[in-house]
C-alpha atoms as a PDB file:
ATOM      1  CA  MET A   1      89.134-204.598-104.013  1.00  0.00           C
ATOM      2  CA  LYS A   2      87.050-202.050-105.901  1.00  0.00           C
ATOM      3  CA  THR A   3      86.308-200.112-102.717  1.00  0.00           C
ATOM      4  CA  ARG A   4      89.923-199.844-101.887  1.00  0.00           C
ATOM      5  CA  SER A   5      90.750-198.725-105.362  1.00  0.00           C
ATOM      6  CA  LYS A   6      88.122-196.015-105.136  1.00  0.00           C
ATOM      7  CA  ARG A   7      89.408-194.782-101.785  1.00  0.00           C
ATOM      8  CA  GLY A   8      92.872-194.800-103.045  1.00  0.00           C
ATOM      9  CA  ILE A   9      91.827-192.855-106.078  1.00  0.00           C
ATOM     10  CA  PHE A  10      89.949-190.280-103.819  1.00  0.00           C
ATOM     11  CA  LYS A  11      92.921-189.872-101.582  1.00  0.00           C
ATOM     12  CA  ARG A  12      95.168-189.554-104.513  1.00  0.00           C
ATOM     13  CA  GLY A  13      92.756-186.914-105.950  1.00  0.00           C
ATOM     14  CA  VAL A  14      92.900-184.910-102.807  1.00  0.00           C
ATOM     15  CA  ARG A  15      96.591-185.028-102.692  1.00  0.00           C
ATOM     16  CA  LYS A  16      96.711-184.079-106.311  1.00  0.00           C
ATOM     17  CA  SER A  17      94.526-180.962-105.689  1.00  0.00           C
ATOM     18  CA  GLU A  18      96.709-179.936-102.846  1.00  0.00           C
ATOM     19  CA  ARG A  19      99.662-180.200-105.163  1.00  0.00           C
ATOM     20  CA  GLU A  20      97.892-178.031-107.742  1.00  0.00           C
ATOM     21  CA  THR A  21      97.479-175.147-105.184  1.00  0.00           C
ATOM     22  CA  PRO A  22     100.907-174.772-103.750  1.00  0.00           C
ATOM     23  CA  THR A  23     101.136-172.844-100.412  1.00  0.00           C
ATOM     24  CA  ILE A  24     103.855-170.472 -99.371  1.00  0.00           C
ATOM     25  CA  HIS A  25     105.758-171.397 -96.278  1.00  0.00           C
ATOM     26  CA  GLY A  26     104.540-169.380 -93.276  1.00  0.00           C
ATOM     27  CA  ALA A  27     101.532-167.846 -95.155  1.00  0.00           C
ATOM     28  CA  LYS A  28      98.070-167.923 -93.552  1.00  0.00           C
ATOM     29  CA  PRO A  29      94.687-168.304 -95.223  1.00  0.00           C
ATOM     30  CA  GLU A  30      92.686-165.159 -96.038  1.00  0.00           C
ATOM     31  CA  SER A  31      89.972-165.827 -93.466  1.00  0.00           C
ATOM     32  CA  GLU A  32      92.572-165.931 -90.749  1.00  0.00           C
ATOM     33  CA  ARG A  33      93.999-162.580 -91.983  1.00  0.00           C
ATOM     34  CA  GLN A  34      90.624-160.882 -91.747  1.00  0.00           C
ATOM     35  CA  THR A  35      90.070-162.275 -88.266  1.00  0.00           C
ATOM     36  CA  LEU A  36      93.481-161.014 -87.154  1.00  0.00           C
ATOM     37  CA  ALA A  37      92.891-157.538 -88.652  1.00  0.00           C
ATOM     38  CA  LEU A  38      89.549-157.212 -86.867  1.00  0.00           C
ATOM     39  CA  SER A  39      91.050-158.263 -83.578  1.00  0.00           C
ATOM     40  CA  ARG A  40      93.861-155.683 -83.944  1.00  0.00           C
ATOM     41  CA  ARG A  41      91.370-152.897 -84.772  1.00  0.00           C
ATOM     42  CA  SER A  42      89.174-153.692 -81.809  1.00  0.00           C
ATOM     43  CA  GLN A  43      92.218-153.806 -79.550  1.00  0.00           C
ATOM     44  CA  THR A  44      93.389-150.396 -80.847  1.00  0.00           C
ATOM     45  CA  GLU A  45      89.958-148.830 -80.236  1.00  0.00           C
ATOM     46  CA  ALA A  46      89.867-150.330 -76.746  1.00  0.00           C
ATOM     47  CA  ASP A  47      93.277-148.844 -75.911  1.00  0.00           C
ATOM     48  CA  ARG A  48      92.183-145.329 -76.896  1.00  0.00           C
ATOM     49  CA  PRO A  49      90.985-143.019 -74.034  1.00  0.00           C
ATOM     50  CA  PRO A  50      87.245-142.217 -73.969  1.00  0.00           C
ATOM     51  CA  LYS A  51      86.205-138.986 -75.669  1.00  0.00           C
ATOM     52  CA  THR A  52      85.173-136.160 -73.339  1.00  0.00           C
ATOM     53  CA  ALA A  53      82.883-133.151 -74.024  1.00  0.00           C
ATOM     54  CA  ALA A  54      85.928-130.967 -74.721  1.00  0.00           C
ATOM     55  CA  HIS A  55      87.216-133.408 -77.373  1.00  0.00           C
ATOM     56  CA  ARG A  56      83.808-133.520 -79.014  1.00  0.00           C
ATOM     57  CA  ARG A  57      83.599-129.709 -78.959  1.00  0.00           C
ATOM     58  CA  HIS A  58      86.914-129.320 -80.790  1.00  0.00           C
ATOM     59  CA  GLU A  59      86.179-132.001 -83.349  1.00  0.00           C
ATOM     60  CA  PRO A  60      85.641-130.629 -86.870  1.00  0.00           C
ATOM     61  CA  LYS A  61      81.977-130.528 -87.607  1.00  0.00           C
ATOM     62  CA  SER A  62      80.601-132.019 -90.705  1.00  0.00           C
ATOM     63  CA  GLU A  63      80.182-129.660 -93.576  1.00  0.00           C
ATOM     64  CA  HIS A  64      76.988-131.277 -94.756  1.00  0.00           C
ATOM     65  CA  ARG A  65      74.637-128.428 -93.752  1.00  0.00           C
ATOM     66  CA  THR A  66      71.676-126.942 -95.405  1.00  0.00           C
ATOM     67  CA  PRO A  67      71.990-123.431 -96.900  1.00  0.00           C
ATOM     68  CA  ALA A  68      69.466-122.027 -94.390  1.00  0.00           C
ATOM     69  CA  LEU A  69      71.478-123.218 -91.372  1.00  0.00           C
ATOM     70  CA  SER A  70      74.738-121.914 -92.804  1.00  0.00           C
ATOM     71  CA  ARG A  71      73.166-118.504 -93.469  1.00  0.00           C
ATOM     72  CA  ARG A  72      71.748-118.377 -89.927  1.00  0.00           C
ATOM     73  CA  SER A  73      75.113-119.219 -88.372  1.00  0.00           C
ATOM     74  CA  GLN A  74      76.807-116.631 -90.558  1.00  0.00           C
ATOM     75  CA  THR A  75      74.277-114.012 -89.477  1.00  0.00           C
ATOM     76  CA  LYS A  76      74.883-114.777 -85.803  1.00  0.00           C
ATOM     77  CA  ALA A  77      78.658-114.813 -86.238  1.00  0.00           C
ATOM     78  CA  ASP A  78      78.819-111.532 -88.190  1.00  0.00           C
ATOM     79  CA  PRO A  79      76.479-108.979 -86.515  1.00  0.00           C
ATOM     80  CA  GLN A  80      78.122-106.168 -88.474  1.00  0.00           C
ATOM     81  CA  ASP A  81      76.493-107.473 -91.649  1.00  0.00           C
ATOM     82  CA  GLN A  82      73.112-106.491 -90.177  1.00  0.00           C
ATOM     83  CA  ALA A  83      74.149-102.845 -89.672  1.00  0.00           C
ATOM     84  CA  PRO A  84      72.472-100.407 -92.074  1.00  0.00           C
ATOM     85  CA  SER A  85      74.608 -99.714 -95.100  1.00  0.00           C
ATOM     86  CA  HIS A  86      73.106 -96.260 -95.667  1.00  0.00           C
ATOM     87  CA  PRO A  87      75.380 -93.486 -94.262  1.00  0.00           C
ATOM     88  CA  HIS A  88      72.445 -91.323 -93.072  1.00  0.00           C
ATOM     89  CA  SER A  89      70.967 -94.134 -90.998  1.00  0.00           C
ATOM     90  CA  THR A  90      74.380 -94.759 -89.412  1.00  0.00           C
ATOM     91  CA  ALA A  91      74.657 -91.097 -88.545  1.00  0.00           C
ATOM     92  CA  LYS A  92      71.198 -91.172 -86.934  1.00  0.00           C
ATOM     93  CA  HIS A  93      72.138 -94.144 -84.786  1.00  0.00           C
ATOM     94  CA  SER A  94      75.404 -92.540 -83.677  1.00  0.00           C
ATOM     95  CA  SER A  95      73.700 -89.234 -82.896  1.00  0.00           C
ATOM     96  CA  ALA A  96      71.019 -91.032 -80.866  1.00  0.00           C
ATOM     97  CA  LYS A  97      73.668 -92.790 -78.800  1.00  0.00           C
ATOM     98  CA  HIS A  98      75.777 -89.680 -78.178  1.00  0.00           C
ATOM     99  CA  SER A  99      72.983 -87.106 -77.820  1.00  0.00           C
ATOM    100  CA  PRO A 100      73.579 -84.681 -74.909  1.00  0.00           C
ATOM    101  CA  PRO A 101      71.314 -85.113 -71.856  1.00  0.00           C
ATOM    102  CA  ILE A 102      68.420 -82.695 -71.395  1.00  0.00           C
ATOM    103  CA  LEU A 103      69.261 -80.410 -68.498  1.00  0.00           C
ATOM    104  CA  PRO A 104      66.510 -78.889 -66.335  1.00  0.00           C
ATOM    105  CA  LYS A 105      65.820 -75.192 -66.705  1.00  0.00           C
ATOM    106  CA  PRO A 106      67.611 -73.028 -64.164  1.00  0.00           C
ATOM    107  CA  GLU A 107      65.369 -71.625 -61.476  1.00  0.00           C
ATOM    108  CA  THR A 108      64.879 -67.874 -61.318  1.00  0.00           C
ATOM    109  CA  PRO A 109      66.617 -66.509 -58.241  1.00  0.00           C
ATOM    110  CA  ASN A 110      64.324 -65.389 -55.461  1.00  0.00           C
ATOM    111  CA  PRO A 111      65.405 -61.916 -54.249  1.00  0.00           C
ATOM    112  CA  LYS A 112      63.551 -62.425 -50.960  1.00  0.00           C
ATOM    113  CA  ARG A 113      65.441 -65.592 -50.007  1.00  0.00           C
ATOM    114  CA  LYS A 114      68.255 -63.862 -48.123  1.00  0.00           C
ATOM    115  CA  ILE A 115      66.022 -61.576 -46.105  1.00  0.00           C
ATOM    116  CA  GLU A 116      63.580 -64.399 -45.328  1.00  0.00           C
ATOM    117  CA  SER A 117      66.406 -66.622 -44.025  1.00  0.00           C
ATOM    118  CA  ALA A 118      67.672 -63.715 -41.886  1.00  0.00           C
ATOM    119  CA  ILE A 119      64.173 -63.274 -40.439  1.00  0.00           C
ATOM    120  CA  THR A 120      63.990 -66.991 -39.603  1.00  0.00           C
ATOM    121  CA  ALA A 121      67.382 -66.878 -37.851  1.00  0.00           C
ATOM    122  CA  ARG A 122      66.344 -63.790 -35.878  1.00  0.00           C
ATOM    123  CA  ARG A 123      63.095 -65.399 -34.672  1.00  0.00           C
ATOM    124  CA  LYS A 124      64.892 -68.586 -33.668  1.00  0.00           C
ATOM    125  CA  SER A 125      67.455 -66.617 -31.667  1.00  0.00           C
ATOM    126  CA  GLN A 126      64.737 -64.668 -29.885  1.00  0.00           C
ATOM    127  CA  THR A 127      62.853 -67.882 -29.034  1.00  0.00           C
ATOM    128  CA  GLU A 128      65.951 -69.521 -27.572  1.00  0.00           C
ATOM    129  CA  LEU A 129      66.807 -66.410 -25.565  1.00  0.00           C
ATOM    130  CA  SER A 130      63.309 -66.119 -24.135  1.00  0.00           C
ATOM    131  CA  HIS A 131      63.351 -69.816 -23.214  1.00  0.00           C
ATOM    132  CA  LEU A 132      66.595 -69.367 -21.266  1.00  0.00           C
ATOM    133  CA  VAL A 133      65.223 -66.318 -19.452  1.00  0.00           C
ATOM    134  CA  GLN A 134      62.054 -68.188 -18.513  1.00  0.00           C
ATOM    135  CA  LEU A 135      64.058 -71.211 -17.330  1.00  0.00           C
ATOM    136  CA  LEU A 136      66.201 -68.990 -15.097  1.00  0.00           C
ATOM    137  CA  ALA A 137      63.112 -67.420 -13.568  1.00  0.00           C
ATOM    138  CA  GLU A 138      61.573 -70.825 -12.808  1.00  0.00           C
ATOM    139  CA  LYS A 139      64.762 -72.253 -11.294  1.00  0.00           C
ATOM    140  CA  SER A 140      65.356 -69.154  -9.182  1.00  0.00           C
ATOM    141  CA  ALA A 141      61.796 -69.246  -7.808  1.00  0.00           C
ATOM    142  CA  ARG A 142      62.098 -72.946  -6.975  1.00  0.00           C
ATOM    143  CA  GLN A 143      65.463 -72.421  -5.310  1.00  0.00           C
ATOM    144  CA  THR A 144      64.142 -69.584  -3.157  1.00  0.00           C
ATOM    145  CA  ALA A 145      61.162 -71.677  -2.093  1.00  0.00           C
ATOM    146  CA  LEU A 146      63.281 -74.683  -1.091  1.00  0.00           C
ATOM    147  CA  GLU A 147      65.881 -72.621   0.694  1.00  0.00           C
ATOM    148  CA  THR A 148      63.161 -70.824   2.648  1.00  0.00           C
ATOM    149  CA  THR A 149      60.661 -73.557   3.508  1.00  0.00           C
ATOM    150  CA  GLY A 150      62.313 -76.829   2.494  1.00  0.00           C
ATOM    151  CA  ASP A 151      63.197 -79.601   4.949  1.00  0.00           C
ATOM    152  CA  LEU A 152      66.950 -79.426   5.114  1.00  0.00           C
ATOM    153  CA  HIS A 153      67.120 -82.812   6.896  1.00  0.00           C
ATOM    154  CA  GLN A 154      65.978 -84.631   3.748  1.00  0.00           C
ATOM    155  CA  VAL A 155      68.679 -85.672   1.317  1.00  0.00           C
ATOM    156  CA  SER A 156      66.421 -85.197  -1.711  1.00  0.00           C
ATOM    157  CA  VAL A 157      65.735 -81.556  -0.801  1.00  0.00           C
ATOM    158  CA  LEU A 158      69.438 -80.841  -0.353  1.00  0.00           C
ATOM    159  CA  ALA A 159      70.234 -82.533  -3.675  1.00  0.00           C
ATOM    160  CA  GLU A 160      67.573 -80.489  -5.486  1.00  0.00           C
ATOM    161  CA  ILE A 161      68.832 -77.262  -3.926  1.00  0.00           C
ATOM    162  CA  GLY A 162      72.314 -78.095  -5.136  1.00  0.00           C
ATOM    163  CA  ARG A 163      71.080 -78.675  -8.696  1.00  0.00           C
ATOM    164  CA  LEU A 164      69.097 -75.428  -8.622  1.00  0.00           C
ATOM    165  CA  GLN A 165      72.128 -73.510  -7.441  1.00  0.00           C
ATOM    166  CA  ILE A 166      74.087 -74.855 -10.411  1.00  0.00           C
ATOM    167  CA  PHE A 167      71.289 -73.802 -12.779  1.00  0.00           C
ATOM    168  CA  THR A 168      71.014 -70.292 -11.334  1.00  0.00           C
ATOM    169  CA  ALA A 169      74.780 -69.867 -11.470  1.00  0.00           C
ATOM    170  CA  LEU A 170      75.244 -71.039 -15.063  1.00  0.00           C
ATOM    171  CA  LEU A 171      72.105 -69.705 -16.747  1.00  0.00           C
ATOM    172  CA  PRO A 172      73.068 -65.993 -16.531  1.00  0.00           C
ATOM    173  CA  ARG A 173      76.297 -66.751 -18.370  1.00  0.00           C
ATOM    174  CA  ARG A 174      74.385 -68.733 -20.956  1.00  0.00           C
ATOM    175  CA  ILE A 175      71.916 -65.873 -21.375  1.00  0.00           C
ATOM    176  CA  ALA A 176      74.708 -63.334 -21.789  1.00  0.00           C
ATOM    177  CA  ALA A 177      76.314 -65.420 -24.531  1.00  0.00           C
ATOM    178  CA  LYS A 178      72.943 -65.867 -26.217  1.00  0.00           C
ATOM    179  CA  GLU A 179      72.300 -62.128 -26.107  1.00  0.00           C
ATOM    180  CA  GLN A 180      75.552 -61.525 -27.981  1.00  0.00           C
ATOM    181  CA  GLU A 181      74.513 -64.021 -30.642  1.00  0.00           C
ATOM    182  CA  ASP A 182      71.086 -62.369 -30.837  1.00  0.00           C
ATOM    183  CA  ALA A 183      72.701 -58.966 -31.364  1.00  0.00           C
ATOM    184  CA  LYS A 184      74.741 -60.372 -34.246  1.00  0.00           C
ATOM    185  CA  THR A 185      71.607 -61.940 -35.706  1.00  0.00           C
ATOM    186  CA  GLU A 186      69.786 -58.608 -35.498  1.00  0.00           C
ATOM    187  CA  GLN A 187      72.659 -56.842 -37.205  1.00  0.00           C
ATOM    188  CA  GLY A 188      72.675 -59.444 -39.979  1.00  0.00           C
ATOM    189  CA  LEU A 189      68.935 -58.986 -40.484  1.00  0.00           C
ATOM    190  CA  THR A 190      69.340 -55.197 -40.721  1.00  0.00           C
ATOM    191  CA  GLU A 191      72.095 -55.564 -43.319  1.00  0.00           C
ATOM    192  CA  ALA A 192      70.060 -58.045 -45.356  1.00  0.00           C
ATOM    193  CA  THR A 193      67.043 -55.705 -45.298  1.00  0.00           C
ATOM    194  CA  ASN A 194      69.069 -52.673 -46.385  1.00  0.00           C
ATOM    195  CA  GLN A 195      70.681 -54.671 -49.176  1.00  0.00           C
ATOM    196  CA  PHE A 196      67.269 -55.804 -50.366  1.00  0.00           C
ATOM    197  CA  ILE A 197      66.029 -52.197 -50.387  1.00  0.00           C
ATOM    198  CA  ARG A 198      69.053 -50.949 -52.358  1.00  0.00           C
ATOM    199  CA  GLU A 199      69.202 -53.752 -54.926  1.00  0.00           C
ATOM    200  CA  HIS A 200      65.576 -54.809 -55.398  1.00  0.00           C
ATOM    201  CA  LEU A 201      62.837 -52.781 -53.750  1.00  0.00           C
ATOM    202  CA  GLY A 202      64.202 -49.270 -54.481  1.00  0.00           C
ATOM    203  CA  PRO A 203      64.826 -49.779 -58.228  1.00  0.00           C
ATOM    204  CA  ARG A 204      61.500 -51.515 -58.659  1.00  0.00           C
ATOM    205  CA  VAL A 205      59.523 -48.784 -56.897  1.00  0.00           C
ATOM    206  CA  ARG A 206      61.258 -46.099 -58.961  1.00  0.00           C
ATOM    207  CA  GLN A 207      60.443 -47.976 -62.146  1.00  0.00           C
ATOM    208  CA  LEU A 208      56.802 -48.387 -61.141  1.00  0.00           C
ATOM    209  CA  THR A 209      56.620 -44.715 -60.183  1.00  0.00           C
ATOM    210  CA  ALA A 210      57.937 -43.678 -63.604  1.00  0.00           C
ATOM    211  CA  ARG A 211      55.423 -45.901 -65.377  1.00  0.00           C
ATOM    212  CA  THR A 212      52.582 -44.621 -63.217  1.00  0.00           C
ATOM    213  CA  ARG A 213      53.597 -41.007 -63.863  1.00  0.00           C
ATOM    214  CA  ALA A 214      53.598 -41.631 -67.608  1.00  0.00           C
ATOM    215  CA  ILE A 215      50.104 -43.140 -67.461  1.00  0.00           C
ATOM    216  CA  VAL A 216      48.757 -40.322 -65.289  1.00  0.00           C
ATOM    217  CA  GLU A 217      50.387 -37.701 -67.528  1.00  0.00           C
ATOM    218  CA  ALA A 218      48.780 -39.245 -70.606  1.00  0.00           C
ATOM    219  CA  GLU A 219      45.394 -39.099 -68.885  1.00  0.00           C
ATOM    220  CA  LEU A 220      45.701 -35.557 -67.480  1.00  0.00           C
ATOM    221  CA  SER A 221      47.564 -33.767 -70.279  1.00  0.00           C
ATOM    222  CA  PRO A 222      44.380 -33.010 -72.292  1.00  0.00           C
ATOM    223  CA  HIS A 223      42.899 -31.259 -69.246  1.00  0.00           C
ATOM    224  CA  PHE A 224      45.895 -29.044 -68.351  1.00  0.00           C
ATOM    225  CA  ARG A 225      47.468 -26.482 -70.673  1.00  0.00           C
ATOM    226  CA  ASP A 226      49.904 -25.137 -68.090  1.00  0.00           C
ATOM    227  CA  PRO A 227      52.918 -27.530 -67.721  1.00  0.00           C
ATOM    228  CA  ALA A 228      53.522 -26.480 -64.100  1.00  0.00           C
ATOM    229  CA  ALA A 229      49.931 -27.245 -63.164  1.00  0.00           C
ATOM    230  CA  LEU A 230      50.207 -30.593 -64.932  1.00  0.00           C
ATOM    231  CA  ILE A 231      53.303 -31.531 -62.896  1.00  0.00           C
ATOM    232  CA  VAL A 232      51.569 -30.621 -59.646  1.00  0.00           C
ATOM    233  CA  ALA A 233      48.496 -32.632 -60.625  1.00  0.00           C
ATOM    234  CA  ILE A 234      50.653 -35.655 -61.440  1.00  0.00           C
ATOM    235  CA  ALA A 235      52.485 -35.414 -58.110  1.00  0.00           C
ATOM    236  CA  ARG A 236      49.190 -35.176 -56.219  1.00  0.00           C
ATOM    237  CA  SER A 237      47.696 -38.136 -58.022  1.00  0.00           C
ATOM    238  CA  GLU A 238      46.617 -40.922 -55.678  1.00  0.00           C
ATOM    239  CA  GLN A 239      48.271 -43.640 -57.759  1.00  0.00           C
ATOM    240  CA  VAL A 240      51.611 -41.830 -57.870  1.00  0.00           C
ATOM    241  CA  ARG A 241      51.544 -41.165 -54.144  1.00  0.00           C
ATOM    242  CA  HIS A 242      50.606 -44.780 -53.419  1.00  0.00           C
ATOM    243  CA  VAL A 243      53.495 -46.152 -55.473  1.00  0.00           C
ATOM    244  CA  ALA A 244      55.999 -43.662 -54.076  1.00  0.00           C
ATOM    245  CA  ALA A 245      55.028 -44.651 -50.533  1.00  0.00           C
ATOM    246  CA  LEU A 246      56.160 -48.222 -51.207  1.00  0.00           C
ATOM    247  CA  ASP A 247      59.796 -47.181 -51.144  1.00  0.00           C
ATOM    248  CA  ARG A 248      61.475 -47.927 -47.816  1.00  0.00           C
ATOM    249  CA  PRO A 249      64.363 -45.916 -46.385  1.00  0.00           C
ATOM    250  CA  VAL A 250      67.683 -47.559 -45.646  1.00  0.00           C
ATOM    251  CA  SER A 251      68.320 -47.495 -41.889  1.00  0.00           C
ATOM    252  CA  LEU A 252      71.257 -48.804 -39.853  1.00  0.00           C
ATOM    253  CA  THR A 253      69.274 -48.580 -36.614  1.00  0.00           C
ATOM    254  CA  PRO A 254      65.569 -49.034 -37.367  1.00  0.00           C
ATOM    255  CA  ALA A 255      63.287 -47.263 -34.943  1.00  0.00           C
ATOM    256  CA  HIS A 256      61.001 -50.255 -34.410  1.00  0.00           C
ATOM    257  CA  GLY A 257      63.681 -52.937 -34.553  1.00  0.00           C
ATOM    258  CA  ALA A 258      65.259 -54.989 -37.295  1.00  0.00           C
ATOM    259  CA  LEU A 259      62.443 -57.517 -37.454  1.00  0.00           C
ATOM    260  CA  GLU A 260      59.729 -54.887 -37.922  1.00  0.00           C
ATOM    261  CA  HIS A 261      61.866 -53.131 -40.539  1.00  0.00           C
ATOM    262  CA  ALA A 262      62.309 -56.363 -42.512  1.00  0.00           C
ATOM    263  CA  GLN A 263      58.620 -57.297 -42.325  1.00  0.00           C
ATOM    264  CA  ALA A 264      57.563 -53.856 -43.555  1.00  0.00           C
ATOM    265  CA  THR A 265      60.008 -54.166 -46.462  1.00  0.00           C
ATOM    266  CA  LEU A 266      58.545 -57.502 -47.517  1.00  0.00           C
ATOM    267  CA  LYS A 267      55.052 -56.057 -47.215  1.00  0.00           C
ATOM    268  CA  ALA A 268      56.033 -53.213 -49.556  1.00  0.00           C
ATOM    269  CA  TRP A 269      57.396 -55.756 -52.021  1.00  0.00           C
ATOM    270  CA  SER A 270      54.076 -57.626 -52.053  1.00  0.00           C
ATOM    271  CA  ALA A 271      52.210 -54.348 -52.577  1.00  0.00           C
ATOM    272  CA  ALA A 272      54.486 -53.593 -55.534  1.00  0.00           C
ATOM    273  CA  ASP A 273      53.547 -56.975 -57.006  1.00  0.00           C
ATOM    274  CA  LYS A 274      49.847 -56.163 -56.764  1.00  0.00           C
ATOM    275  CA  HIS A 275      50.328 -52.664 -58.194  1.00  0.00           C
ATOM    276  CA  GLU A 276      52.303 -53.997 -61.135  1.00  0.00           C
ATOM    277  CA  ASN A 277      49.635 -56.585 -61.906  1.00  0.00           C
ATOM    278  CA  HIS A 278      46.850 -53.984 -61.897  1.00  0.00           C
ATOM    279  CA  LEU A 279      48.810 -51.288 -63.717  1.00  0.00           C
ATOM    280  CA  GLU A 280      46.941 -50.449 -66.954  1.00  0.00           C
ATOM    281  CA  PRO A 281      47.050 -47.465 -69.291  1.00  0.00           C
ATOM    282  CA  GLN A 282      43.259 -47.007 -69.041  1.00  0.00           C
ATOM    283  CA  SER A 283      43.303 -46.587 -65.238  1.00  0.00           C
ATOM    284  CA  ILE A 284      41.483 -43.588 -63.850  1.00  0.00           C
ATOM    285  CA  CYS A 285      43.461 -41.360 -61.518  1.00  0.00           C
ATOM    286  CA  GLU A 286      42.005 -39.173 -58.845  1.00  0.00           C
ATOM    287  CA  ILE A 287      43.393 -35.767 -58.022  1.00  0.00           C
END
């Protein structure tokens, strides 16, 4: 009987505690709420698409950086902050960037270039003309020999005679055309030589002659009181006569040919170079 009374009292105590904590209809315990919230959160994160590299790149970075890193990033982002603030240094940098290029010095023109090229063209024309003349002589001799003593029953002999006849018929025309070109080349060489004499050699020889006369006059004037005798002595001086002989005459039809005329002109120019190098006021003249 006591046991039953105790159980009844325990059951009644439990029921009494349940009465003391009244529950709302439809409400769930707090542990169940937390479990439901966690399940919803995990389901939401599972439904989200996975983050790619592009999403991570555009995510806002955390602002928890050290001062050194922030300064370094600012220096890389703003390169203009590194530019020199001094105006003179900026001007130096701009002038160094926009400085004009250094051009090479212009070459001094060679007065002999035109006449030298004309001489080269003349020699080439003469070589080609002589080669054609020699070829015609060889082909004509071979043709005469085959036509006289060759076996006319052989096909090779007849074919060679035919080729030689073509050569001997065409080469005279080729030589005539080449002779006309050679005449034009000779005329061009003569004109180039005369132009060189008028513009370069003549004025230079006259200048050297005047300088040589002045030197000789300064050396001989103490020995001659008569002005006429002094002039004659200057004219007969070996140095004056040597310089005056360097001058070349202008000729439209040179006696020894255009090539010889041009070579003599260049030789006189070289002699003028030597005379100018050795021209000194203390030189001794001979009468």
